């Protein structure tokens, strides 16, 4: 594993660069929303079996964004923990209006 980044603060600008395509960002956002909905539904209905869908939904939408729109390898493959954190920080930044789906 490449230890190029010593902190998430160093990693996040790289993460955003790897997510410069607006459709890729949108795919990440949709996947994150569906992950939250799945968690809520599984807990609310006490059907925890649905929690196995979380990685399928989250990574599925994100990887479609990378492979078909961004045309790069997801950071998850090299920086799994920073990448997961980056997904949620970018989600928060999109909700806060700090990142949009435009170039």
PDB file of N, CA and C in Angstrom:
ATOM      1  N   UNK A   1       0.843  -1.191   0.000  1.00  0.00           N
ATOM      2  CA  UNK A   1       0.000   0.000   0.000  1.00  0.00           C
ATOM      3  C   UNK A   1       0.881   1.243   0.000  1.00  0.00           C
ATOM      4  N   UNK A   2       0.519   2.195  -0.811  1.00  0.00           N
ATOM      5  CA  UNK A   2       1.246   3.455  -0.912  1.00  0.00           C
ATOM      6  C   UNK A   2       0.872   4.338   0.279  1.00  0.00           C
ATOM      7  N   UNK A   3       1.865   4.737   1.053  1.00  0.00           N
ATOM      8  CA  UNK A   3       1.616   5.612   2.208  1.00  0.00           C
ATOM      9  C   UNK A   3       1.909   7.059   1.861  1.00  0.00           C
ATOM     10  N   UNK A   4       1.452   7.483   0.697  1.00  0.00           N
ATOM     11  CA  UNK A   4       1.690   8.831   0.208  1.00  0.00           C
ATOM     12  C   UNK A   4       1.081   9.893   1.129  1.00  0.00           C
ATOM     13  N   UNK A   5      -0.041   9.573   1.762  1.00  0.00           N
ATOM     14  CA  UNK A   5      -0.749  10.532   2.596  1.00  0.00           C
ATOM     15  C   UNK A   5      -0.585  10.156   4.060  1.00  0.00           C
ATOM     16  N   UNK A   6      -0.200  11.121   4.861  1.00  0.00           N
ATOM     17  CA  UNK A   6       0.006  10.896   6.287  1.00  0.00           C
ATOM     18  C   UNK A   6      -1.219  11.242   7.116  1.00  0.00           C
ATOM     19  N   UNK A   7      -2.198  11.890   6.487  1.00  0.00           N
ATOM     20  CA  UNK A   7      -3.412  12.272   7.207  1.00  0.00           C
ATOM     21  C   UNK A   7      -4.567  12.403   6.224  1.00  0.00           C
ATOM     22  N   UNK A   8      -5.773  12.377   6.758  1.00  0.00           N
ATOM     23  CA  UNK A   8      -6.935  12.577   5.902  1.00  0.00           C
ATOM     24  C   UNK A   8      -6.940  13.992   5.327  1.00  0.00           C
ATOM     25  N   UNK A   9      -6.448  14.941   6.081  1.00  0.00           N
ATOM     26  CA  UNK A   9      -6.376  16.328   5.598  1.00  0.00           C
ATOM     27  C   UNK A   9      -5.528  16.415   4.332  1.00  0.00           C
ATOM     28  N   UNK A  10      -4.471  15.634   4.262  1.00  0.00           N
ATOM     29  CA  UNK A  10      -3.641  15.591   3.053  1.00  0.00           C
ATOM     30  C   UNK A  10      -4.356  14.833   1.930  1.00  0.00           C
ATOM     31  N   UNK A  11      -5.099  13.815   2.297  1.00  0.00           N
ATOM     32  CA  UNK A  11      -5.750  12.944   1.322  1.00  0.00           C
ATOM     33  C   UNK A  11      -6.948  13.604   0.640  1.00  0.00           C
ATOM     34  N   UNK A  12      -7.737  14.385   1.362  1.00  0.00           N
ATOM     35  CA  UNK A  12      -9.022  14.861   0.843  1.00  0.00           C
ATOM     36  C   UNK A  12      -8.904  15.677  -0.451  1.00  0.00           C
ATOM     37  N   UNK A  13      -7.926  16.570  -0.608  1.00  0.00           N
ATOM     38  CA  UNK A  13      -7.812  17.253  -1.910  1.00  0.00           C
ATOM     39  C   UNK A  13      -7.584  16.274  -3.071  1.00  0.00           C
ATOM     40  N   UNK A  14      -6.787  15.244  -2.831  1.00  0.00           N
ATOM     41  CA  UNK A  14      -6.582  14.202  -3.843  1.00  0.00           C
ATOM     42  C   UNK A  14      -7.907  13.498  -4.131  1.00  0.00           C
ATOM     43  N   UNK A  15      -8.647  13.179  -3.091  1.00  0.00           N
ATOM     44  CA  UNK A  15      -9.944  12.513  -3.232  1.00  0.00           C
ATOM     45  C   UNK A  15     -10.880  13.355  -4.104  1.00  0.00           C
ATOM     46  N   UNK A  16     -10.942  14.643  -3.831  1.00  0.00           N
ATOM     47  CA  UNK A  16     -11.815  15.521  -4.622  1.00  0.00           C
ATOM     48  C   UNK A  16     -11.361  15.590  -6.080  1.00  0.00           C
ATOM     49  N   UNK A  17     -10.069  15.583  -6.306  1.00  0.00           N
ATOM     50  CA  UNK A  17      -9.526  15.592  -7.671  1.00  0.00           C
ATOM     51  C   UNK A  17      -9.962  14.323  -8.415  1.00  0.00           C
ATOM     52  N   UNK A  18      -9.992  13.210  -7.710  1.00  0.00           N
ATOM     53  CA  UNK A  18     -10.401  11.935  -8.304  1.00  0.00           C
ATOM     54  C   UNK A  18     -11.919  11.860  -8.506  1.00  0.00           C
ATOM     55  N   UNK A  19     -12.633  12.872  -8.034  1.00  0.00           N
ATOM     56  CA  UNK A  19     -14.095  12.944  -8.161  1.00  0.00           C
ATOM     57  C   UNK A  19     -14.492  14.269  -8.807  1.00  0.00           C
ATOM     58  N   UNK A  20     -13.780  14.655  -9.845  1.00  0.00           N
ATOM     59  CA  UNK A  20     -14.041  15.949 -10.478  1.00  0.00           C
ATOM     60  C   UNK A  20     -15.222  15.903 -11.439  1.00  0.00           C
ATOM     61  N   UNK A  21     -15.574  14.719 -11.927  1.00  0.00           N
ATOM     62  CA  UNK A  21     -16.700  14.599 -12.839  1.00  0.00           C
ATOM     63  C   UNK A  21     -18.007  14.734 -12.061  1.00  0.00           C
ATOM     64  N   UNK A  22     -18.895  15.650 -12.481  1.00  0.00           N
ATOM     65  CA  UNK A  22     -20.134  15.872 -11.732  1.00  0.00           C
ATOM     66  C   UNK A  22     -21.037  14.635 -11.653  1.00  0.00           C
ATOM     67  N   UNK A  23     -21.063  13.821 -12.699  1.00  0.00           N
ATOM     68  CA  UNK A  23     -21.899  12.623 -12.662  1.00  0.00           C
ATOM     69  C   UNK A  23     -21.330  11.608 -11.680  1.00  0.00           C
ATOM     70  N   UNK A  24     -20.021  11.514 -11.609  1.00  0.00           N
ATOM     71  CA  UNK A  24     -19.396  10.628 -10.624  1.00  0.00           C
ATOM     72  C   UNK A  24     -19.777  11.076  -9.216  1.00  0.00           C
ATOM     73  N   UNK A  25     -19.708  12.365  -8.959  1.00  0.00           N
ATOM     74  CA  UNK A  25     -20.118  12.885  -7.650  1.00  0.00           C
ATOM     75  C   UNK A  25     -21.575  12.561  -7.362  1.00  0.00           C
ATOM     76  N   UNK A  26     -22.411  12.730  -8.375  1.00  0.00           N
ATOM     77  CA  UNK A  26     -23.834  12.439  -8.215  1.00  0.00           C
ATOM     78  C   UNK A  26     -24.052  10.961  -7.897  1.00  0.00           C
ATOM     79  N   UNK A  27     -23.329  10.093  -8.566  1.00  0.00           N
ATOM     80  CA  UNK A  27     -23.454   8.659  -8.292  1.00  0.00           C
ATOM     81  C   UNK A  27     -23.056   8.343  -6.851  1.00  0.00           C
ATOM     82  N   UNK A  28     -21.982   8.968  -6.371  1.00  0.00           N
ATOM     83  CA  UNK A  28     -21.576   8.792  -4.975  1.00  0.00           C
ATOM     84  C   UNK A  28     -22.675   9.281  -4.034  1.00  0.00           C
ATOM     85  N   UNK A  29     -23.224  10.439  -4.344  1.00  0.00           N
ATOM     86  CA  UNK A  29     -24.265  11.027  -3.494  1.00  0.00           C
ATOM     87  C   UNK A  29     -25.499  10.127  -3.439  1.00  0.00           C
ATOM     88  N   UNK A  30     -25.929   9.625  -4.592  1.00  0.00           N
ATOM     89  CA  UNK A  30     -27.094   8.733  -4.635  1.00  0.00           C
ATOM     90  C   UNK A  30     -26.811   7.475  -3.822  1.00  0.00           C
ATOM     91  N   UNK A  31     -25.635   6.895  -4.023  1.00  0.00           N
ATOM     92  CA  UNK A  31     -25.276   5.695  -3.270  1.00  0.00           C
ATOM     93  C   UNK A  31     -25.281   5.937  -1.775  1.00  0.00           C
ATOM     94  N   UNK A  32     -24.734   7.067  -1.344  1.00  0.00           N
ATOM     95  CA  UNK A  32     -24.703   7.386   0.090  1.00  0.00           C
ATOM     96  C   UNK A  32     -26.116   7.580   0.643  1.00  0.00           C
ATOM     97  N   UNK A  33     -26.966   8.255  -0.121  1.00  0.00           N
ATOM     98  CA  UNK A  33     -28.362   8.430   0.315  1.00  0.00           C
ATOM     99  C   UNK A  33     -29.046   7.083   0.464  1.00  0.00           C
ATOM    100  N   UNK A  34     -28.847   6.204  -0.498  1.00  0.00           N
ATOM    101  CA  UNK A  34     -29.487   4.893  -0.444  1.00  0.00           C
ATOM    102  C   UNK A  34     -28.929   4.044   0.693  1.00  0.00           C
ATOM    103  N   UNK A  35     -27.665   4.206   1.016  1.00  0.00           N
ATOM    104  CA  UNK A  35     -27.090   3.507   2.169  1.00  0.00           C
ATOM    105  C   UNK A  35     -27.806   3.950   3.439  1.00  0.00           C
ATOM    106  N   UNK A  36     -27.986   5.251   3.600  1.00  0.00           N
ATOM    107  CA  UNK A  36     -28.675   5.754   4.791  1.00  0.00           C
ATOM    108  C   UNK A  36     -30.122   5.273   4.852  1.00  0.00           C
ATOM    109  N   UNK A  37     -30.804   5.280   3.714  1.00  0.00           N
ATOM    110  CA  UNK A  37     -32.189   4.800   3.664  1.00  0.00           C
ATOM    111  C   UNK A  37     -32.239   3.315   4.027  1.00  0.00           C
ATOM    112  N   UNK A  38     -31.292   2.543   3.519  1.00  0.00           N
ATOM    113  CA  UNK A  38     -31.252   1.111   3.811  1.00  0.00           C
ATOM    114  C   UNK A  38     -31.026   0.860   5.300  1.00  0.00           C
ATOM    115  N   UNK A  39     -30.105   1.592   5.885  1.00  0.00           N
ATOM    116  CA  UNK A  39     -29.851   1.448   7.325  1.00  0.00           C
ATOM    117  C   UNK A  39     -31.107   1.792   8.115  1.00  0.00           C
ATOM    118  N   UNK A  40     -31.719   2.919   7.785  1.00  0.00           N
ATOM    119  CA  UNK A  40     -32.932   3.331   8.488  1.00  0.00           C
ATOM    120  C   UNK A  40     -34.024   2.269   8.349  1.00  0.00           C
ATOM    121  N   UNK A  41     -34.253   1.800   7.141  1.00  0.00           N
ATOM    122  CA  UNK A  41     -35.306   0.808   6.902  1.00  0.00           C
ATOM    123  C   UNK A  41     -35.025  -0.478   7.673  1.00  0.00           C
ATOM    124  N   UNK A  42     -33.796  -0.969   7.591  1.00  0.00           N
ATOM    125  CA  UNK A  42     -33.440  -2.230   8.257  1.00  0.00           C
ATOM    126  C   UNK A  42     -33.632  -2.130   9.767  1.00  0.00           C
ATOM    127  N   UNK A  43     -33.223  -1.012  10.338  1.00  0.00           N
ATOM    128  CA  UNK A  43     -33.345  -0.836  11.790  1.00  0.00           C
ATOM    129  C   UNK A  43     -34.809  -0.600  12.173  1.00  0.00           C
ATOM    130  N   UNK A  44     -35.491   0.263  11.435  1.00  0.00           N
ATOM    131  CA  UNK A  44     -36.877   0.606  11.753  1.00  0.00           C
ATOM    132  C   UNK A  44     -37.798  -0.615  11.678  1.00  0.00           C
ATOM    133  N   UNK A  45     -37.574  -1.452  10.674  1.00  0.00           N
ATOM    134  CA  UNK A  45     -38.438  -2.623  10.493  1.00  0.00           C
ATOM    135  C   UNK A  45     -37.885  -3.865  11.183  1.00  0.00           C
ATOM    136  N   UNK A  46     -36.737  -3.712  11.821  1.00  0.00           N
ATOM    137  CA  UNK A  46     -36.057  -4.827  12.486  1.00  0.00           C
ATOM    138  C   UNK A  46     -35.785  -5.980  11.514  1.00  0.00           C
ATOM    139  N   UNK A  47     -35.473  -5.623  10.277  1.00  0.00           N
ATOM    140  CA  UNK A  47     -35.098  -6.591   9.247  1.00  0.00           C
ATOM    141  C   UNK A  47     -33.623  -6.367   8.904  1.00  0.00           C
ATOM    142  N   UNK A  48     -32.781  -6.694   9.847  1.00  0.00           N
ATOM    143  CA  UNK A  48     -31.357  -6.400   9.734  1.00  0.00           C
ATOM    144  C   UNK A  48     -30.680  -7.151   8.599  1.00  0.00           C
ATOM    145  N   UNK A  49     -31.348  -8.124   8.035  1.00  0.00           N
ATOM    146  CA  UNK A  49     -30.788  -8.853   6.904  1.00  0.00           C
ATOM    147  C   UNK A  49     -30.490  -7.899   5.736  1.00  0.00           C
ATOM    148  N   UNK A  50     -31.222  -6.804   5.644  1.00  0.00           N
ATOM    149  CA  UNK A  50     -31.002  -5.838   4.561  1.00  0.00           C
ATOM    150  C   UNK A  50     -29.681  -5.074   4.691  1.00  0.00           C
ATOM    151  N   UNK A  51     -29.059  -5.142   5.848  1.00  0.00           N
ATOM    152  CA  UNK A  51     -27.792  -4.431   6.032  1.00  0.00           C
ATOM    153  C   UNK A  51     -26.681  -4.969   5.132  1.00  0.00           C
ATOM    154  N   UNK A  52     -26.811  -6.207   4.666  1.00  0.00           N
ATOM    155  CA  UNK A  52     -25.790  -6.738   3.756  1.00  0.00           C
ATOM    156  C   UNK A  52     -25.767  -5.971   2.434  1.00  0.00           C
ATOM    157  N   UNK A  53     -26.838  -5.247   2.137  1.00  0.00           N
ATOM    158  CA  UNK A  53     -26.904  -4.462   0.901  1.00  0.00           C
ATOM    159  C   UNK A  53     -26.039  -3.202   0.937  1.00  0.00           C
ATOM    160  N   UNK A  54     -25.645  -2.783   2.126  1.00  0.00           N
ATOM    161  CA  UNK A  54     -24.929  -1.509   2.259  1.00  0.00           C
ATOM    162  C   UNK A  54     -23.686  -1.436   1.364  1.00  0.00           C
ATOM    163  N   UNK A  55     -22.760  -2.391   1.425  1.00  0.00           N
ATOM    164  CA  UNK A  55     -21.592  -2.264   0.552  1.00  0.00           C
ATOM    165  C   UNK A  55     -21.936  -2.398  -0.933  1.00  0.00           C
ATOM    166  N   UNK A  56     -22.932  -3.204  -1.249  1.00  0.00           N
ATOM    167  CA  UNK A  56     -23.331  -3.369  -2.648  1.00  0.00           C
ATOM    168  C   UNK A  56     -23.857  -2.047  -3.198  1.00  0.00           C
ATOM    169  N   UNK A  57     -24.723  -1.406  -2.443  1.00  0.00           N
ATOM    170  CA  UNK A  57     -25.308  -0.133  -2.876  1.00  0.00           C
ATOM    171  C   UNK A  57     -24.249   0.961  -2.893  1.00  0.00           C
ATOM    172  N   UNK A  58     -23.550   1.119  -1.775  1.00  0.00           N
ATOM    173  CA  UNK A  58     -22.575   2.205  -1.670  1.00  0.00           C
ATOM    174  C   UNK A  58     -21.475   2.107  -2.710  1.00  0.00           C
ATOM    175  N   UNK A  59     -20.824   0.954  -2.764  1.00  0.00           N
ATOM    176  CA  UNK A  59     -19.733   0.795  -3.729  1.00  0.00           C
ATOM    177  C   UNK A  59     -20.250   0.655  -5.151  1.00  0.00           C
ATOM    178  N   UNK A  60     -21.408   0.046  -5.317  1.00  0.00           N
ATOM    179  CA  UNK A  60     -21.959  -0.114  -6.661  1.00  0.00           C
ATOM    180  C   UNK A  60     -22.156   1.213  -7.371  1.00  0.00           C
ATOM    181  N   UNK A  61     -22.828   2.136  -6.722  1.00  0.00           N
ATOM    182  CA  UNK A  61     -23.049   3.445  -7.335  1.00  0.00           C
ATOM    183  C   UNK A  61     -21.729   4.192  -7.530  1.00  0.00           C
ATOM    184  N   UNK A  62     -20.866   4.137  -6.531  1.00  0.00           N
ATOM    185  CA  UNK A  62     -19.585   4.843  -6.628  1.00  0.00           C
ATOM    186  C   UNK A  62     -18.746   4.293  -7.775  1.00  0.00           C
ATOM    187  N   UNK A  63     -18.669   2.988  -7.897  1.00  0.00           N
ATOM    188  CA  UNK A  63     -17.825   2.392  -8.928  1.00  0.00           C
ATOM    189  C   UNK A  63     -18.380   2.619 -10.323  1.00  0.00           C
ATOM    190  N   UNK A  64     -19.697   2.660 -10.471  1.00  0.00           N
ATOM    191  CA  UNK A  64     -20.275   3.027 -11.771  1.00  0.00           C
ATOM    192  C   UNK A  64     -19.818   4.439 -12.130  1.00  0.00           C
ATOM    193  N   UNK A  65     -19.836   5.328 -11.144  1.00  0.00           N
ATOM    194  CA  UNK A  65     -19.367   6.700 -11.388  1.00  0.00           C
ATOM    195  C   UNK A  65     -17.918   6.742 -11.840  1.00  0.00           C
ATOM    196  N   UNK A  66     -17.085   5.935 -11.224  1.00  0.00           N
ATOM    197  CA  UNK A  66     -15.661   5.938 -11.592  1.00  0.00           C
ATOM    198  C   UNK A  66     -15.411   5.277 -12.942  1.00  0.00           C
ATOM    199  N   UNK A  67     -15.967   4.103 -13.148  1.00  0.00           N
ATOM    200  CA  UNK A  67     -15.652   3.344 -14.352  1.00  0.00           C
ATOM    201  C   UNK A  67     -16.287   3.918 -15.608  1.00  0.00           C
ATOM    202  N   UNK A  68     -17.476   4.507 -15.510  1.00  0.00           N
ATOM    203  CA  UNK A  68     -18.185   4.981 -16.695  1.00  0.00           C
ATOM    204  C   UNK A  68     -18.135   6.493 -16.903  1.00  0.00           C
ATOM    205  N   UNK A  69     -17.858   7.253 -15.870  1.00  0.00           N
ATOM    206  CA  UNK A  69     -17.868   8.712 -16.002  1.00  0.00           C
ATOM    207  C   UNK A  69     -16.514   9.344 -15.675  1.00  0.00           C
ATOM    208  N   UNK A  70     -15.915   8.946 -14.608  1.00  0.00           N
ATOM    209  CA  UNK A  70     -14.631   9.526 -14.202  1.00  0.00           C
ATOM    210  C   UNK A  70     -13.476   8.864 -14.951  1.00  0.00           C
ATOM    211  N   UNK A  71     -13.650   7.611 -15.318  1.00  0.00           N
ATOM    212  CA  UNK A  71     -12.635   6.818 -16.028  1.00  0.00           C
ATOM    213  C   UNK A  71     -11.328   6.725 -15.247  1.00  0.00           C
ATOM    214  N   UNK A  72     -11.452   6.427 -13.966  1.00  0.00           N
ATOM    215  CA  UNK A  72     -10.274   6.204 -13.136  1.00  0.00           C
ATOM    216  C   UNK A  72     -10.547   5.069 -12.156  1.00  0.00           C
ATOM    217  N   UNK A  73      -9.513   4.656 -11.483  1.00  0.00           N
ATOM    218  CA  UNK A  73      -9.638   3.577 -10.499  1.00  0.00           C
ATOM    219  C   UNK A  73     -10.082   4.194  -9.176  1.00  0.00           C
ATOM    220  N   UNK A  74     -11.127   3.652  -8.549  1.00  0.00           N
ATOM    221  CA  UNK A  74     -11.576   4.198  -7.268  1.00  0.00           C
ATOM    222  C   UNK A  74     -10.457   4.207  -6.221  1.00  0.00           C
ATOM    223  N   UNK A  75     -10.408   5.264  -5.446  1.00  0.00           N
ATOM    224  CA  UNK A  75      -9.396   5.390  -4.392  1.00  0.00           C
ATOM    225  C   UNK A  75      -9.544   4.296  -3.343  1.00  0.00           C
ATOM    226  N   UNK A  76     -10.708   3.669  -3.291  1.00  0.00           N
ATOM    227  CA  UNK A  76     -10.967   2.588  -2.342  1.00  0.00           C
ATOM    228  C   UNK A  76      -9.921   1.481  -2.462  1.00  0.00           C
ATOM    229  N   UNK A  77      -9.445   1.240  -3.681  1.00  0.00           N
ATOM    230  CA  UNK A  77      -8.505   0.149  -3.903  1.00  0.00           C
ATOM    231  C   UNK A  77      -7.137   0.428  -3.300  1.00  0.00           C
ATOM    232  N   UNK A  78      -6.776   1.693  -3.169  1.00  0.00           N
ATOM    233  CA  UNK A  78      -5.466   2.060  -2.633  1.00  0.00           C
ATOM    234  C   UNK A  78      -5.550   2.596  -1.212  1.00  0.00           C
ATOM    235  N   UNK A  79      -6.590   3.351  -0.924  1.00  0.00           N
ATOM    236  CA  UNK A  79      -6.763   3.998   0.387  1.00  0.00           C
ATOM    237  C   UNK A  79      -8.159   3.681   0.929  1.00  0.00           C
ATOM    238  N   UNK A  80      -8.400   2.449   1.359  1.00  0.00           N
ATOM    239  CA  UNK A  80      -9.779   2.073   1.725  1.00  0.00           C
ATOM    240  C   UNK A  80     -10.381   2.892   2.862  1.00  0.00           C
ATOM    241  N   UNK A  81      -9.636   3.161   3.906  1.00  0.00           N
ATOM    242  CA  UNK A  81     -10.211   3.881   5.057  1.00  0.00           C
ATOM    243  C   UNK A  81     -10.378   5.365   4.762  1.00  0.00           C
ATOM    244  N   UNK A  82      -9.352   5.985   4.180  1.00  0.00           N
ATOM    245  CA  UNK A  82      -9.468   7.397   3.812  1.00  0.00           C
ATOM    246  C   UNK A  82     -10.563   7.588   2.761  1.00  0.00           C
ATOM    247  N   UNK A  83     -10.696   6.647   1.850  1.00  0.00           N
ATOM    248  CA  UNK A  83     -11.711   6.748   0.810  1.00  0.00           C
ATOM    249  C   UNK A  83     -13.121   6.685   1.389  1.00  0.00           C
ATOM    250  N   UNK A  84     -13.345   5.764   2.316  1.00  0.00           N
ATOM    251  CA  UNK A  84     -14.656   5.675   2.958  1.00  0.00           C
ATOM    252  C   UNK A  84     -14.974   6.967   3.709  1.00  0.00           C
ATOM    253  N   UNK A  85     -14.008   7.479   4.429  1.00  0.00           N
ATOM    254  CA  UNK A  85     -14.200   8.751   5.126  1.00  0.00           C
ATOM    255  C   UNK A  85     -14.440   9.877   4.119  1.00  0.00           C
ATOM    256  N   UNK A  86     -13.690   9.856   3.016  1.00  0.00           N
ATOM    257  CA  UNK A  86     -13.863  10.864   1.969  1.00  0.00           C
ATOM    258  C   UNK A  86     -15.263  10.852   1.382  1.00  0.00           C
ATOM    259  N   UNK A  87     -15.838   9.653   1.219  1.00  0.00           N
ATOM    260  CA  UNK A  87     -17.209   9.558   0.700  1.00  0.00           C
ATOM    261  C   UNK A  87     -18.179  10.342   1.583  1.00  0.00           C
ATOM    262  N   UNK A  88     -18.038  10.176   2.893  1.00  0.00           N
ATOM    263  CA  UNK A  88     -18.982  10.818   3.810  1.00  0.00           C
ATOM    264  C   UNK A  88     -18.688  12.301   3.990  1.00  0.00           C
ATOM    265  N   UNK A  89     -17.432  12.692   3.906  1.00  0.00           N
ATOM    266  CA  UNK A  89     -17.107  14.124   3.974  1.00  0.00           C
ATOM    267  C   UNK A  89     -17.609  14.817   2.714  1.00  0.00           C
ATOM    268  N   UNK A  90     -17.427  14.181   1.541  1.00  0.00           N
ATOM    269  CA  UNK A  90     -17.941  14.764   0.305  1.00  0.00           C
ATOM    270  C   UNK A  90     -19.468  14.830   0.350  1.00  0.00           C
ATOM    271  N   UNK A  91     -20.118  13.805   0.883  1.00  0.00           N
ATOM    272  CA  UNK A  91     -21.574  13.811   1.037  1.00  0.00           C
ATOM    273  C   UNK A  91     -22.006  15.015   1.876  1.00  0.00           C
ATOM    274  N   UNK A  92     -21.322  15.214   3.000  1.00  0.00           N
ATOM    275  CA  UNK A  92     -21.623  16.357   3.874  1.00  0.00           C
ATOM    276  C   UNK A  92     -21.369  17.679   3.139  1.00  0.00           C
ATOM    277  N   UNK A  93     -20.266  17.754   2.396  1.00  0.00           N
ATOM    278  CA  UNK A  93     -19.948  18.983   1.659  1.00  0.00           C
ATOM    279  C   UNK A  93     -20.963  19.272   0.561  1.00  0.00           C
ATOM    280  N   UNK A  94     -21.490  18.234  -0.075  1.00  0.00           N
ATOM    281  CA  UNK A  94     -22.536  18.433  -1.079  1.00  0.00           C
ATOM    282  C   UNK A  94     -23.807  18.948  -0.412  1.00  0.00           C
ATOM    283  N   UNK A  95     -24.183  18.335   0.705  1.00  0.00           N
ATOM    284  CA  UNK A  95     -25.377  18.793   1.438  1.00  0.00           C
ATOM    285  C   UNK A  95     -25.229  20.230   1.913  1.00  0.00           C
ATOM    286  N   UNK A  96     -24.015  20.602   2.320  1.00  0.00           N
ATOM    287  CA  UNK A  96     -23.754  21.963   2.819  1.00  0.00           C
ATOM    288  C   UNK A  96     -23.629  22.983   1.694  1.00  0.00           C
ATOM    289  N   UNK A  97     -23.612  22.512   0.442  1.00  0.00           N
ATOM    290  CA  UNK A  97     -23.497  23.419  -0.697  1.00  0.00           C
ATOM    291  C   UNK A  97     -22.068  23.814  -1.019  1.00  0.00           C
ATOM    292  N   UNK A  98     -21.092  23.139  -0.434  1.00  0.00           N
ATOM    293  CA  UNK A  98     -19.684  23.449  -0.697  1.00  0.00           C
ATOM    294  C   UNK A  98     -19.177  22.762  -1.959  1.00  0.00           C
ATOM    295  N   UNK A  99     -19.862  21.726  -2.404  1.00  0.00           N
ATOM    296  CA  UNK A  99     -19.540  21.011  -3.638  1.00  0.00           C
ATOM    297  C   UNK A  99     -20.840  20.839  -4.382  1.00  0.00           C
ATOM    298  N   UNK A 100     -20.807  21.037  -5.694  1.00  0.00           N
ATOM    299  CA  UNK A 100     -22.030  20.822  -6.474  1.00  0.00           C
ATOM    300  C   UNK A 100     -21.773  19.780  -7.557  1.00  0.00           C
ATOM    301  N   UNK A 101     -22.759  19.589  -8.403  1.00  0.00           N
ATOM    302  CA  UNK A 101     -22.653  18.597  -9.467  1.00  0.00           C
ATOM    303  C   UNK A 101     -22.260  19.239 -10.782  1.00  0.00           C
ATOM    304  N   UNK A 102     -21.715  20.433 -10.721  1.00  0.00           N
ATOM    305  CA  UNK A 102     -21.224  21.131 -11.907  1.00  0.00           C
ATOM    306  C   UNK A 102     -19.702  21.145 -11.865  1.00  0.00           C
ATOM    307  N   UNK A 103     -19.125  21.368 -12.995  1.00  0.00           N
ATOM    308  CA  UNK A 103     -17.660  21.461 -13.058  1.00  0.00           C
ATOM    309  C   UNK A 103     -17.194  22.755 -12.453  1.00  0.00           C
TER     310      UNK A 103
END
